[in-house]
Amino acid sequence: MKPRLFFLLKVRGLGTDADFVQIRNENFELMANLRCSPPYESLSRFFRNPDKLEKAVDTIKQLGYGELKKIEL
């Protein structure tokens, strides 16, 4: 199976709003805009495979705000 290409972008929320992570596909189309707060429950709805979820969470933890990261899952 061919790995899928995703782009992750961490966005800072305003005021007391939570931070968000945008997940975009290889065409840079927005796939999801999810709350970015531990334990990352909203990500489990997008990444069903536990290994892929763990890789995505590890990548998000290392991301700075406004930083774009390309990952293959």
N, C-alpha and C. Protein backbone atom coordinates (compact mmCIF):
# COMPACT_ATOMS: atom_id res chain seq x y z
N MET A 1 0.84 -1.18 0.00
CA MET A 1 0.00 0.00 0.00
C MET A 1 0.89 1.24 0.00
N LYS A 2 0.57 2.18 -0.86
CA LYS A 2 1.33 3.41 -0.99
C LYS A 2 1.09 4.32 0.21
N PRO A 3 2.15 4.86 0.83
CA PRO A 3 1.93 5.77 1.96
C PRO A 3 1.28 7.07 1.49
N ARG A 4 0.43 7.62 2.33
CA ARG A 4 -0.24 8.88 2.00
C ARG A 4 0.56 10.04 2.55
N LEU A 5 0.57 11.12 1.83
CA LEU A 5 1.30 12.31 2.20
C LEU A 5 0.36 13.31 2.86
N PHE A 6 0.77 13.82 4.03
CA PHE A 6 -0.01 14.81 4.76
C PHE A 6 0.90 15.96 5.16
N PHE A 7 0.29 17.12 5.31
CA PHE A 7 0.98 18.28 5.86
C PHE A 7 0.31 18.63 7.18
N LEU A 8 1.11 18.88 8.20
CA LEU A 8 0.59 19.28 9.51
C LEU A 8 1.02 20.70 9.79
N LEU A 9 0.10 21.50 10.29
CA LEU A 9 0.37 22.90 10.61
C LEU A 9 -0.24 23.19 11.97
N LYS A 10 0.59 23.64 12.93
CA LYS A 10 0.10 23.97 14.26
C LYS A 10 -0.22 25.46 14.31
N VAL A 11 -1.43 25.79 14.77
CA VAL A 11 -1.92 27.16 14.78
C VAL A 11 -2.28 27.55 16.22
N ARG A 12 -1.81 28.71 16.64
CA ARG A 12 -2.09 29.19 17.99
C ARG A 12 -3.49 29.79 18.02
N GLY A 13 -4.26 29.40 19.05
CA GLY A 13 -5.60 29.94 19.23
C GLY A 13 -5.55 31.33 19.85
N LEU A 14 -6.62 32.07 19.73
CA LEU A 14 -6.69 33.41 20.29
C LEU A 14 -7.26 33.38 21.70
N GLY A 15 -6.70 34.16 22.58
CA GLY A 15 -7.20 34.26 23.95
C GLY A 15 -7.18 32.93 24.67
N THR A 16 -8.34 32.54 25.19
CA THR A 16 -8.42 31.29 25.95
C THR A 16 -8.75 30.10 25.06
N ASP A 17 -8.92 30.35 23.75
CA ASP A 17 -9.21 29.25 22.82
C ASP A 17 -8.01 28.31 22.74
N ALA A 18 -8.29 27.08 22.48
CA ALA A 18 -7.24 26.07 22.37
C ALA A 18 -6.46 26.25 21.08
N ASP A 19 -5.28 25.68 21.04
CA ASP A 19 -4.49 25.65 19.82
C ASP A 19 -5.06 24.58 18.90
N PHE A 20 -4.79 24.73 17.62
CA PHE A 20 -5.33 23.81 16.63
C PHE A 20 -4.22 23.25 15.75
N VAL A 21 -4.49 22.10 15.16
CA VAL A 21 -3.60 21.54 14.15
C VAL A 21 -4.42 21.34 12.89
N GLN A 22 -3.87 21.84 11.79
CA GLN A 22 -4.52 21.64 10.49
C GLN A 22 -3.86 20.46 9.81
N ILE A 23 -4.66 19.57 9.25
CA ILE A 23 -4.17 18.44 8.48
C ILE A 23 -4.57 18.68 7.04
N ARG A 24 -3.58 18.70 6.17
CA ARG A 24 -3.83 18.95 4.75
C ARG A 24 -3.30 17.79 3.92
N ASN A 25 -3.92 17.53 2.78
CA ASN A 25 -3.50 16.42 1.92
C ASN A 25 -2.38 16.87 0.99
N GLU A 26 -1.99 15.99 0.06
CA GLU A 26 -0.88 16.27 -0.85
C GLU A 26 -1.16 17.44 -1.79
N ASN A 27 -2.43 17.78 -1.98
CA ASN A 27 -2.82 18.94 -2.79
C ASN A 27 -3.00 20.19 -1.93
N PHE A 28 -2.63 20.08 -0.68
CA PHE A 28 -2.72 21.15 0.32
C PHE A 28 -4.15 21.57 0.61
N GLU A 29 -5.11 20.67 0.38
CA GLU A 29 -6.50 20.92 0.72
C GLU A 29 -6.70 20.58 2.20
N LEU A 30 -7.47 21.40 2.89
CA LEU A 30 -7.72 21.20 4.31
C LEU A 30 -8.56 19.93 4.52
N MET A 31 -8.02 18.98 5.26
CA MET A 31 -8.72 17.73 5.56
C MET A 31 -9.39 17.81 6.93
N ALA A 32 -8.69 18.46 7.89
CA ALA A 32 -9.23 18.57 9.24
C ALA A 32 -8.58 19.75 9.95
N ASN A 33 -9.34 20.36 10.84
CA ASN A 33 -8.84 21.42 11.71
C ASN A 33 -9.23 20.99 13.12
N LEU A 34 -8.30 20.42 13.87
CA LEU A 34 -8.60 19.76 15.13
C LEU A 34 -7.96 20.47 16.31
N ARG A 35 -8.59 20.37 17.47
CA ARG A 35 -7.99 20.91 18.69
C ARG A 35 -6.68 20.20 18.95
N CYS A 36 -5.73 20.96 19.36
CA CYS A 36 -4.38 20.43 19.56
C CYS A 36 -4.05 20.44 21.05
N SER A 37 -4.76 19.64 21.80
CA SER A 37 -4.50 19.57 23.23
C SER A 37 -4.41 18.12 23.65
N PRO A 38 -3.44 17.80 24.50
CA PRO A 38 -3.32 16.41 24.95
C PRO A 38 -4.62 15.97 25.59
N PRO A 39 -5.01 14.74 25.51
CA PRO A 39 -4.34 13.58 24.91
C PRO A 39 -4.63 13.37 23.43
N TYR A 40 -4.90 14.42 22.69
CA TYR A 40 -5.07 14.35 21.25
C TYR A 40 -6.18 13.39 20.82
N GLU A 41 -7.28 13.41 21.56
CA GLU A 41 -8.41 12.52 21.27
C GLU A 41 -9.01 12.80 19.90
N SER A 42 -9.02 14.05 19.48
CA SER A 42 -9.61 14.39 18.19
C SER A 42 -8.82 13.79 17.03
N LEU A 43 -7.52 13.58 17.22
CA LEU A 43 -6.70 12.97 16.17
C LEU A 43 -7.06 11.51 15.95
N SER A 44 -7.52 10.84 16.99
CA SER A 44 -7.85 9.42 16.85
C SER A 44 -9.03 9.20 15.89
N ARG A 45 -9.84 10.24 15.68
CA ARG A 45 -10.93 10.13 14.71
C ARG A 45 -10.42 10.22 13.28
N PHE A 46 -9.28 10.88 13.10
CA PHE A 46 -8.72 11.05 11.76
C PHE A 46 -7.73 9.93 11.43
N PHE A 47 -6.87 9.58 12.37
CA PHE A 47 -5.89 8.50 12.18
C PHE A 47 -6.34 7.29 12.98
N ARG A 48 -6.92 6.31 12.31
CA ARG A 48 -7.48 5.13 12.99
C ARG A 48 -6.41 4.12 13.39
N ASN A 49 -5.34 4.03 12.63
CA ASN A 49 -4.25 3.09 12.92
C ASN A 49 -3.43 3.63 14.09
N PRO A 50 -3.22 2.85 15.17
CA PRO A 50 -2.47 3.34 16.34
C PRO A 50 -1.04 3.76 16.01
N ASP A 51 -0.38 3.08 15.09
CA ASP A 51 0.99 3.44 14.74
C ASP A 51 1.03 4.80 14.03
N LYS A 52 0.08 5.04 13.14
CA LYS A 52 0.01 6.31 12.43
C LYS A 52 -0.37 7.43 13.38
N LEU A 53 -1.27 7.14 14.31
CA LEU A 53 -1.67 8.12 15.31
C LEU A 53 -0.48 8.53 16.17
N GLU A 54 0.30 7.55 16.60
CA GLU A 54 1.47 7.83 17.43
C GLU A 54 2.49 8.68 16.68
N LYS A 55 2.72 8.38 15.41
CA LYS A 55 3.65 9.15 14.60
C LYS A 55 3.16 10.59 14.43
N ALA A 56 1.87 10.77 14.20
CA ALA A 56 1.30 12.11 14.05
C ALA A 56 1.40 12.90 15.35
N VAL A 57 1.11 12.27 16.49
CA VAL A 57 1.19 12.95 17.78
C VAL A 57 2.63 13.36 18.07
N ASP A 58 3.58 12.49 17.82
CA ASP A 58 4.99 12.81 18.05
C ASP A 58 5.43 13.99 17.18
N THR A 59 4.97 14.02 15.95
CA THR A 59 5.31 15.11 15.04
C THR A 59 4.71 16.42 15.53
N ILE A 60 3.45 16.39 15.97
CA ILE A 60 2.77 17.60 16.45
C ILE A 60 3.44 18.14 17.70
N LYS A 61 3.87 17.28 18.59
CA LYS A 61 4.54 17.73 19.82
C LYS A 61 5.81 18.50 19.50
N GLN A 62 6.49 18.14 18.42
CA GLN A 62 7.75 18.78 18.06
C GLN A 62 7.55 20.04 17.22
N LEU A 63 6.36 20.25 16.69
CA LEU A 63 6.09 21.39 15.83
C LEU A 63 6.03 22.69 16.61
N GLY A 64 6.56 23.74 16.02
CA GLY A 64 6.38 25.08 16.55
C GLY A 64 5.15 25.69 15.90
N TYR A 65 4.65 26.77 16.46
CA TYR A 65 3.47 27.42 15.90
C TYR A 65 3.80 28.02 14.54
N GLY A 66 2.92 27.79 13.58
CA GLY A 66 3.11 28.30 12.24
C GLY A 66 4.08 27.48 11.41
N GLU A 67 4.60 26.41 11.97
CA GLU A 67 5.55 25.55 11.26
C GLU A 67 4.80 24.46 10.50
N LEU A 68 5.18 24.26 9.27
CA LEU A 68 4.55 23.27 8.41
C LEU A 68 5.45 22.03 8.34
N LYS A 69 4.87 20.85 8.51
CA LYS A 69 5.65 19.62 8.50
C LYS A 69 4.98 18.62 7.56
N LYS A 70 5.76 18.04 6.67
CA LYS A 70 5.26 17.02 5.74
C LYS A 70 5.56 15.65 6.33
N ILE A 71 4.54 14.78 6.38
CA ILE A 71 4.75 13.41 6.88
C ILE A 71 4.08 12.44 5.91
N GLU A 72 4.65 11.24 5.86
CA GLU A 72 4.06 10.15 5.07
C GLU A 72 3.58 9.10 6.02
N LEU A 73 2.31 8.72 5.86
CA LEU A 73 1.72 7.69 6.73
C LEU A 73 1.09 6.62 5.87
